[in-house]
Amino acid sequence: MNTRKHTKFVHAANYAAEVEIEISDSENGWAPYISLDDALKLDRVREALLSGDVATASTYAKKVYALSTVAA
């Protein structure tokens, strides 16, 4: 089984975050997949962003972005 680092972008409300996870490749089963811990980390970041808790989201994410609308 091989693992590799991957940056996942999580978008919720007016925020986005870069979260680093590990993807596991295997010849058996439903590869590629992520661990339960990484899935829970993504959920925690998403919930924190939805509630506007940037401090909590930034403990799990590499970067947190505030998004705004641009008029064209």
PDB file of N, CA and C in Angstrom:
ATOM      1  N   MET A   1       0.842  -1.167   0.000  1.00  0.00           N
ATOM      2  CA  MET A   1       0.000   0.000   0.000  1.00  0.00           C
ATOM      3  C   MET A   1       0.895   1.240   0.000  1.00  0.00           C
ATOM      4  N   ASN A   2       0.590   2.158  -0.894  1.00  0.00           N
ATOM      5  CA  ASN A   2       1.324   3.414  -1.003  1.00  0.00           C
ATOM      6  C   ASN A   2       0.466   4.543  -0.465  1.00  0.00           C
ATOM      7  N   THR A   3       1.092   5.492   0.217  1.00  0.00           N
ATOM      8  CA  THR A   3       0.384   6.687   0.660  1.00  0.00           C
ATOM      9  C   THR A   3       1.074   7.906   0.091  1.00  0.00           C
ATOM     10  N   ARG A   4       0.265   8.934  -0.155  1.00  0.00           N
ATOM     11  CA  ARG A   4       0.811  10.186  -0.671  1.00  0.00           C
ATOM     12  C   ARG A   4       0.026  11.346  -0.072  1.00  0.00           C
ATOM     13  N   LYS A   5       0.708  12.457   0.076  1.00  0.00           N
ATOM     14  CA  LYS A   5       0.090  13.673   0.607  1.00  0.00           C
ATOM     15  C   LYS A   5      -0.733  14.345  -0.485  1.00  0.00           C
ATOM     16  N   HIS A   6      -1.851  14.930  -0.074  1.00  0.00           N
ATOM     17  CA  HIS A   6      -2.729  15.624  -1.009  1.00  0.00           C
ATOM     18  C   HIS A   6      -3.348  16.817  -0.288  1.00  0.00           C
ATOM     19  N   THR A   7      -3.472  17.923  -0.971  1.00  0.00           N
ATOM     20  CA  THR A   7      -4.124  19.095  -0.398  1.00  0.00           C
ATOM     21  C   THR A   7      -5.559  19.138  -0.892  1.00  0.00           C
ATOM     22  N   LYS A   8      -6.479  19.096   0.053  1.00  0.00           N
ATOM     23  CA  LYS A   8      -7.905  19.125  -0.250  1.00  0.00           C
ATOM     24  C   LYS A   8      -8.439  20.503   0.088  1.00  0.00           C
ATOM     25  N   PHE A   9      -9.224  21.095  -0.794  1.00  0.00           N
ATOM     26  CA  PHE A   9      -9.846  22.379  -0.539  1.00  0.00           C
ATOM     27  C   PHE A   9     -11.251  22.152  -0.012  1.00  0.00           C
ATOM     28  N   VAL A  10     -11.551  22.768   1.128  1.00  0.00           N
ATOM     29  CA  VAL A  10     -12.869  22.678   1.741  1.00  0.00           C
ATOM     30  C   VAL A  10     -13.506  24.053   1.639  1.00  0.00           C
ATOM     31  N   HIS A  11     -14.711  24.113   1.069  1.00  0.00           N
ATOM     32  CA  HIS A  11     -15.421  25.376   0.902  1.00  0.00           C
ATOM     33  C   HIS A  11     -16.702  25.321   1.717  1.00  0.00           C
ATOM     34  N   ALA A  12     -16.924  26.338   2.549  1.00  0.00           N
ATOM     35  CA  ALA A  12     -18.155  26.442   3.327  1.00  0.00           C
ATOM     36  C   ALA A  12     -18.412  27.909   3.628  1.00  0.00           C
ATOM     37  N   ALA A  13     -19.643  28.327   3.435  1.00  0.00           N
ATOM     38  CA  ALA A  13     -20.056  29.717   3.659  1.00  0.00           C
ATOM     39  C   ALA A  13     -19.152  30.640   2.846  1.00  0.00           C
ATOM     40  N   ASN A  14     -18.576  31.644   3.462  1.00  0.00           N
ATOM     41  CA  ASN A  14     -17.702  32.594   2.754  1.00  0.00           C
ATOM     42  C   ASN A  14     -16.242  32.296   2.985  1.00  0.00           C
ATOM     43  N   TYR A  15     -15.910  31.037   3.252  1.00  0.00           N
ATOM     44  CA  TYR A  15     -14.537  30.653   3.548  1.00  0.00           C
ATOM     45  C   TYR A  15     -14.136  29.428   2.731  1.00  0.00           C
ATOM     46  N   ALA A  16     -12.835  29.293   2.557  1.00  0.00           N
ATOM     47  CA  ALA A  16     -12.245  28.099   1.966  1.00  0.00           C
ATOM     48  C   ALA A  16     -10.973  27.793   2.743  1.00  0.00           C
ATOM     49  N   ALA A  17     -10.612  26.514   2.807  1.00  0.00           N
ATOM     50  CA  ALA A  17      -9.420  26.122   3.564  1.00  0.00           C
ATOM     51  C   ALA A  17      -8.667  25.044   2.807  1.00  0.00           C
ATOM     52  N   GLU A  18      -7.334  25.087   2.926  1.00  0.00           N
ATOM     53  CA  GLU A  18      -6.466  24.043   2.387  1.00  0.00           C
ATOM     54  C   GLU A  18      -6.150  23.075   3.518  1.00  0.00           C
ATOM     55  N   VAL A  19      -6.556  21.828   3.346  1.00  0.00           N
ATOM     56  CA  VAL A  19      -6.327  20.822   4.375  1.00  0.00           C
ATOM     57  C   VAL A  19      -5.481  19.711   3.772  1.00  0.00           C
ATOM     58  N   GLU A  20      -4.389  19.369   4.438  1.00  0.00           N
ATOM     59  CA  GLU A  20      -3.515  18.314   3.952  1.00  0.00           C
ATOM     60  C   GLU A  20      -3.978  16.964   4.504  1.00  0.00           C
ATOM     61  N   ILE A  21      -4.159  16.002   3.598  1.00  0.00           N
ATOM     62  CA  ILE A  21      -4.568  14.650   3.974  1.00  0.00           C
ATOM     63  C   ILE A  21      -3.638  13.652   3.296  1.00  0.00           C
ATOM     64  N   GLU A  22      -3.745  12.394   3.693  1.00  0.00           N
ATOM     65  CA  GLU A  22      -3.002  11.318   3.038  1.00  0.00           C
ATOM     66  C   GLU A  22      -3.972  10.448   2.254  1.00  0.00           C
ATOM     67  N   ILE A  23      -3.610  10.173   1.023  1.00  0.00           N
ATOM     68  CA  ILE A  23      -4.395   9.283   0.177  1.00  0.00           C
ATOM     69  C   ILE A  23      -3.657   7.961   0.084  1.00  0.00           C
ATOM     70  N   SER A  24      -4.373   6.876   0.315  1.00  0.00           N
ATOM     71  CA  SER A  24      -3.778   5.543   0.272  1.00  0.00           C
ATOM     72  C   SER A  24      -4.196   4.835  -1.010  1.00  0.00           C
ATOM     73  N   ASP A  25      -3.209   4.341  -1.720  1.00  0.00           N
ATOM     74  CA  ASP A  25      -3.449   3.546  -2.921  1.00  0.00           C
ATOM     75  C   ASP A  25      -3.196   2.088  -2.583  1.00  0.00           C
ATOM     76  N   SER A  26      -4.092   1.228  -3.005  1.00  0.00           N
ATOM     77  CA  SER A  26      -3.953  -0.192  -2.745  1.00  0.00           C
ATOM     78  C   SER A  26      -4.505  -0.960  -3.931  1.00  0.00           C
ATOM     79  N   GLU A  27      -3.973  -2.133  -4.155  1.00  0.00           N
ATOM     80  CA  GLU A  27      -4.474  -2.961  -5.248  1.00  0.00           C
ATOM     81  C   GLU A  27      -5.750  -3.679  -4.845  1.00  0.00           C
ATOM     82  N   ASN A  28      -6.035  -3.709  -3.554  1.00  0.00           N
ATOM     83  CA  ASN A  28      -7.236  -4.373  -3.050  1.00  0.00           C
ATOM     84  C   ASN A  28      -8.294  -3.336  -2.705  1.00  0.00           C
ATOM     85  N   GLY A  29      -9.538  -3.670  -2.905  1.00  0.00           N
ATOM     86  CA  GLY A  29     -10.629  -2.811  -2.452  1.00  0.00           C
ATOM     87  C   GLY A  29     -10.884  -1.607  -3.325  1.00  0.00           C
ATOM     88  N   TRP A  30     -11.339  -0.557  -2.673  1.00  0.00           N
ATOM     89  CA  TRP A  30     -11.813   0.638  -3.360  1.00  0.00           C
ATOM     90  C   TRP A  30     -10.780   1.750  -3.284  1.00  0.00           C
ATOM     91  N   ALA A  31      -9.627   1.549  -3.800  1.00  0.00           N
ATOM     92  CA  ALA A  31      -8.568   2.553  -3.755  1.00  0.00           C
ATOM     93  C   ALA A  31      -8.819   3.610  -4.813  1.00  0.00           C
ATOM     94  N   PRO A  32      -8.380   4.820  -4.659  1.00  0.00           N
ATOM     95  CA  PRO A  32      -7.706   5.387  -3.490  1.00  0.00           C
ATOM     96  C   PRO A  32      -8.721   5.760  -2.416  1.00  0.00           C
ATOM     97  N   TYR A  33      -8.241   5.838  -1.180  1.00  0.00           N
ATOM     98  CA  TYR A  33      -9.115   6.194  -0.074  1.00  0.00           C
ATOM     99  C   TYR A  33      -8.340   6.982   0.969  1.00  0.00           C
ATOM    100  N   ILE A  34      -9.090   7.609   1.890  1.00  0.00           N
ATOM    101  CA  ILE A  34      -8.472   8.365   2.973  1.00  0.00           C
ATOM    102  C   ILE A  34      -8.834   7.702   4.295  1.00  0.00           C
ATOM    103  N   SER A  35      -8.064   8.000   5.320  1.00  0.00           N
ATOM    104  CA  SER A  35      -8.307   7.402   6.628  1.00  0.00           C
ATOM    105  C   SER A  35      -9.516   8.064   7.286  1.00  0.00           C
ATOM    106  N   LEU A  36     -10.047   7.393   8.304  1.00  0.00           N
ATOM    107  CA  LEU A  36     -11.159   7.941   9.065  1.00  0.00           C
ATOM    108  C   LEU A  36     -10.747   9.237   9.747  1.00  0.00           C
ATOM    109  N   ASP A  37      -9.523   9.303  10.264  1.00  0.00           N
ATOM    110  CA  ASP A  37      -9.035  10.521  10.913  1.00  0.00           C
ATOM    111  C   ASP A  37      -9.019  11.704   9.953  1.00  0.00           C
ATOM    112  N   ASP A  38      -8.573  11.474   8.724  1.00  0.00           N
ATOM    113  CA  ASP A  38      -8.556  12.556   7.739  1.00  0.00           C
ATOM    114  C   ASP A  38      -9.973  12.968   7.347  1.00  0.00           C
ATOM    115  N   ALA A  39     -10.882  12.019   7.237  1.00  0.00           N
ATOM    116  CA  ALA A  39     -12.277  12.343   6.919  1.00  0.00           C
ATOM    117  C   ALA A  39     -12.897  13.183   8.040  1.00  0.00           C
ATOM    118  N   LEU A  40     -12.610  12.819   9.286  1.00  0.00           N
ATOM    119  CA  LEU A  40     -13.122  13.595  10.420  1.00  0.00           C
ATOM    120  C   LEU A  40     -12.492  14.985  10.471  1.00  0.00           C
ATOM    121  N   LYS A  41     -11.211  15.086  10.090  1.00  0.00           N
ATOM    122  CA  LYS A  41     -10.543  16.388  10.043  1.00  0.00           C
ATOM    123  C   LYS A  41     -11.226  17.290   9.018  1.00  0.00           C
ATOM    124  N   LEU A  42     -11.555  16.755   7.855  1.00  0.00           N
ATOM    125  CA  LEU A  42     -12.259  17.539   6.836  1.00  0.00           C
ATOM    126  C   LEU A  42     -13.620  17.994   7.345  1.00  0.00           C
ATOM    127  N   ASP A  43     -14.332  17.110   8.051  1.00  0.00           N
ATOM    128  CA  ASP A  43     -15.630  17.474   8.626  1.00  0.00           C
ATOM    129  C   ASP A  43     -15.495  18.572   9.671  1.00  0.00           C
ATOM    130  N   ARG A  44     -14.469  18.483  10.531  1.00  0.00           N
ATOM    131  CA  ARG A  44     -14.257  19.503  11.560  1.00  0.00           C
ATOM    132  C   ARG A  44     -13.980  20.870  10.930  1.00  0.00           C
ATOM    133  N   VAL A  45     -13.176  20.882   9.892  1.00  0.00           N
ATOM    134  CA  VAL A  45     -12.874  22.135   9.198  1.00  0.00           C
ATOM    135  C   VAL A  45     -14.142  22.699   8.571  1.00  0.00           C
ATOM    136  N   ARG A  46     -14.929  21.859   7.916  1.00  0.00           N
ATOM    137  CA  ARG A  46     -16.161  22.313   7.268  1.00  0.00           C
ATOM    138  C   ARG A  46     -17.138  22.888   8.295  1.00  0.00           C
ATOM    139  N   GLU A  47     -17.300  22.205   9.423  1.00  0.00           N
ATOM    140  CA  GLU A  47     -18.201  22.688  10.471  1.00  0.00           C
ATOM    141  C   GLU A  47     -17.710  24.006  11.063  1.00  0.00           C
ATOM    142  N   ALA A  48     -16.400  24.127  11.266  1.00  0.00           N
ATOM    143  CA  ALA A  48     -15.842  25.365  11.808  1.00  0.00           C
ATOM    144  C   ALA A  48     -16.051  26.524  10.838  1.00  0.00           C
ATOM    145  N   LEU A  49     -15.852  26.286   9.559  1.00  0.00           N
ATOM    146  CA  LEU A  49     -16.046  27.341   8.574  1.00  0.00           C
ATOM    147  C   LEU A  49     -17.511  27.760   8.494  1.00  0.00           C
ATOM    148  N   LEU A  50     -18.417  26.798   8.570  1.00  0.00           N
ATOM    149  CA  LEU A  50     -19.845  27.124   8.531  1.00  0.00           C
ATOM    150  C   LEU A  50     -20.260  27.987   9.706  1.00  0.00           C
ATOM    151  N   SER A  51     -19.655  27.768  10.860  1.00  0.00           N
ATOM    152  CA  SER A  51     -20.004  28.560  12.040  1.00  0.00           C
ATOM    153  C   SER A  51     -19.178  29.846  12.139  1.00  0.00           C
ATOM    154  N   GLY A  52     -18.249  30.058  11.205  1.00  0.00           N
ATOM    155  CA  GLY A  52     -17.430  31.261  11.203  1.00  0.00           C
ATOM    156  C   GLY A  52     -16.263  31.214  12.176  1.00  0.00           C
ATOM    157  N   ASP A  53     -15.942  30.020  12.679  1.00  0.00           N
ATOM    158  CA  ASP A  53     -14.853  29.845  13.643  1.00  0.00           C
ATOM    159  C   ASP A  53     -13.545  29.600  12.887  1.00  0.00           C
ATOM    160  N   VAL A  54     -12.929  30.676  12.438  1.00  0.00           N
ATOM    161  CA  VAL A  54     -11.711  30.595  11.635  1.00  0.00           C
ATOM    162  C   VAL A  54     -10.539  30.065  12.465  1.00  0.00           C
ATOM    163  N   ALA A  55     -10.516  30.387  13.759  1.00  0.00           N
ATOM    164  CA  ALA A  55      -9.425  29.932  14.624  1.00  0.00           C
ATOM    165  C   ALA A  55      -9.374  28.414  14.707  1.00  0.00           C
ATOM    166  N   THR A  56     -10.523  27.777  14.884  1.00  0.00           N
ATOM    167  CA  THR A  56     -10.566  26.317  14.941  1.00  0.00           C
ATOM    168  C   THR A  56     -10.211  25.713  13.591  1.00  0.00           C
ATOM    169  N   ALA A  57     -10.729  26.287  12.515  1.00  0.00           N
ATOM    170  CA  ALA A  57     -10.433  25.777  11.175  1.00  0.00           C
ATOM    171  C   ALA A  57      -8.939  25.860  10.887  1.00  0.00           C
ATOM    172  N   SER A  58      -8.289  26.928  11.355  1.00  0.00           N
ATOM    173  CA  SER A  58      -6.871  27.095  11.059  1.00  0.00           C
ATOM    174  C   SER A  58      -5.982  26.142  11.853  1.00  0.00           C
ATOM    175  N   THR A  59      -6.505  25.511  12.911  1.00  0.00           N
ATOM    176  CA  THR A  59      -5.711  24.516  13.627  1.00  0.00           C
ATOM    177  C   THR A  59      -5.566  23.237  12.814  1.00  0.00           C
ATOM    178  N   TYR A  60      -6.511  22.971  11.925  1.00  0.00           N
ATOM    179  CA  TYR A  60      -6.467  21.775  11.082  1.00  0.00           C
ATOM    180  C   TYR A  60      -5.995  22.058   9.661  1.00  0.00           C
ATOM    181  N   ALA A  61      -6.143  23.305   9.215  1.00  0.00           N
ATOM    182  CA  ALA A  61      -5.845  23.658   7.827  1.00  0.00           C
ATOM    183  C   ALA A  61      -4.506  24.365   7.714  1.00  0.00           C
ATOM    184  N   LYS A  62      -3.879  24.225   6.523  1.00  0.00           N
ATOM    185  CA  LYS A  62      -2.643  24.956   6.254  1.00  0.00           C
ATOM    186  C   LYS A  62      -2.942  26.438   6.073  1.00  0.00           C
ATOM    187  N   LYS A  63      -4.001  26.749   5.323  1.00  0.00           N
ATOM    188  CA  LYS A  63      -4.400  28.133   5.061  1.00  0.00           C
ATOM    189  C   LYS A  63      -5.927  28.220   5.059  1.00  0.00           C
ATOM    190  N   VAL A  64      -6.441  29.352   5.509  1.00  0.00           N
ATOM    191  CA  VAL A  64      -7.876  29.629   5.464  1.00  0.00           C
ATOM    192  C   VAL A  64      -8.060  30.925   4.692  1.00  0.00           C
ATOM    193  N   TYR A  65      -9.002  30.917   3.766  1.00  0.00           N
ATOM    194  CA  TYR A  65      -9.264  32.082   2.911  1.00  0.00           C
ATOM    195  C   TYR A  65     -10.669  32.607   3.177  1.00  0.00           C
ATOM    196  N   ALA A  66     -10.816  33.929   3.155  1.00  0.00           N
ATOM    197  CA  ALA A  66     -12.127  34.568   3.184  1.00  0.00           C
ATOM    198  C   ALA A  66     -12.497  34.880   1.736  1.00  0.00           C
ATOM    199  N   LEU A  67     -13.682  34.477   1.330  1.00  0.00           N
ATOM    200  CA  LEU A  67     -14.118  34.675  -0.048  1.00  0.00           C
ATOM    201  C   LEU A  67     -15.070  35.847  -0.120  1.00  0.00           C
ATOM    202  N   SER A  68     -14.991  36.589  -1.199  1.00  0.00           N
ATOM    203  CA  SER A  68     -15.914  37.702  -1.404  1.00  0.00           C
ATOM    204  C   SER A  68     -16.368  37.723  -2.868  1.00  0.00           C
ATOM    205  N   THR A  69     -17.500  38.324  -3.087  1.00  0.00           N
ATOM    206  CA  THR A  69     -18.072  38.399  -4.422  1.00  0.00           C
ATOM    207  C   THR A  69     -17.424  39.551  -5.186  1.00  0.00           C
ATOM    208  N   VAL A  70     -17.162  39.310  -6.456  1.00  0.00           N
ATOM    209  CA  VAL A  70     -16.594  40.330  -7.329  1.00  0.00           C
ATOM    210  C   VAL A  70     -17.612  40.642  -8.407  1.00  0.00           C
ATOM    211  N   ALA A  71     -17.958  41.900  -8.540  1.00  0.00           N
ATOM    212  CA  ALA A  71     -18.891  42.300  -9.579  1.00  0.00           C
ATOM    213  C   ALA A  71     -18.142  42.432 -10.901  1.00  0.00           C
ATOM    214  N   ALA A  72     -18.723  41.861 -11.946  1.00  0.00           N
ATOM    215  CA  ALA A  72     -18.058  41.899 -13.256  1.00  0.00           C
ATOM    216  C   ALA A  72     -18.566  43.052 -14.078  1.00  0.00           C
TER     217      ALA A  72
END
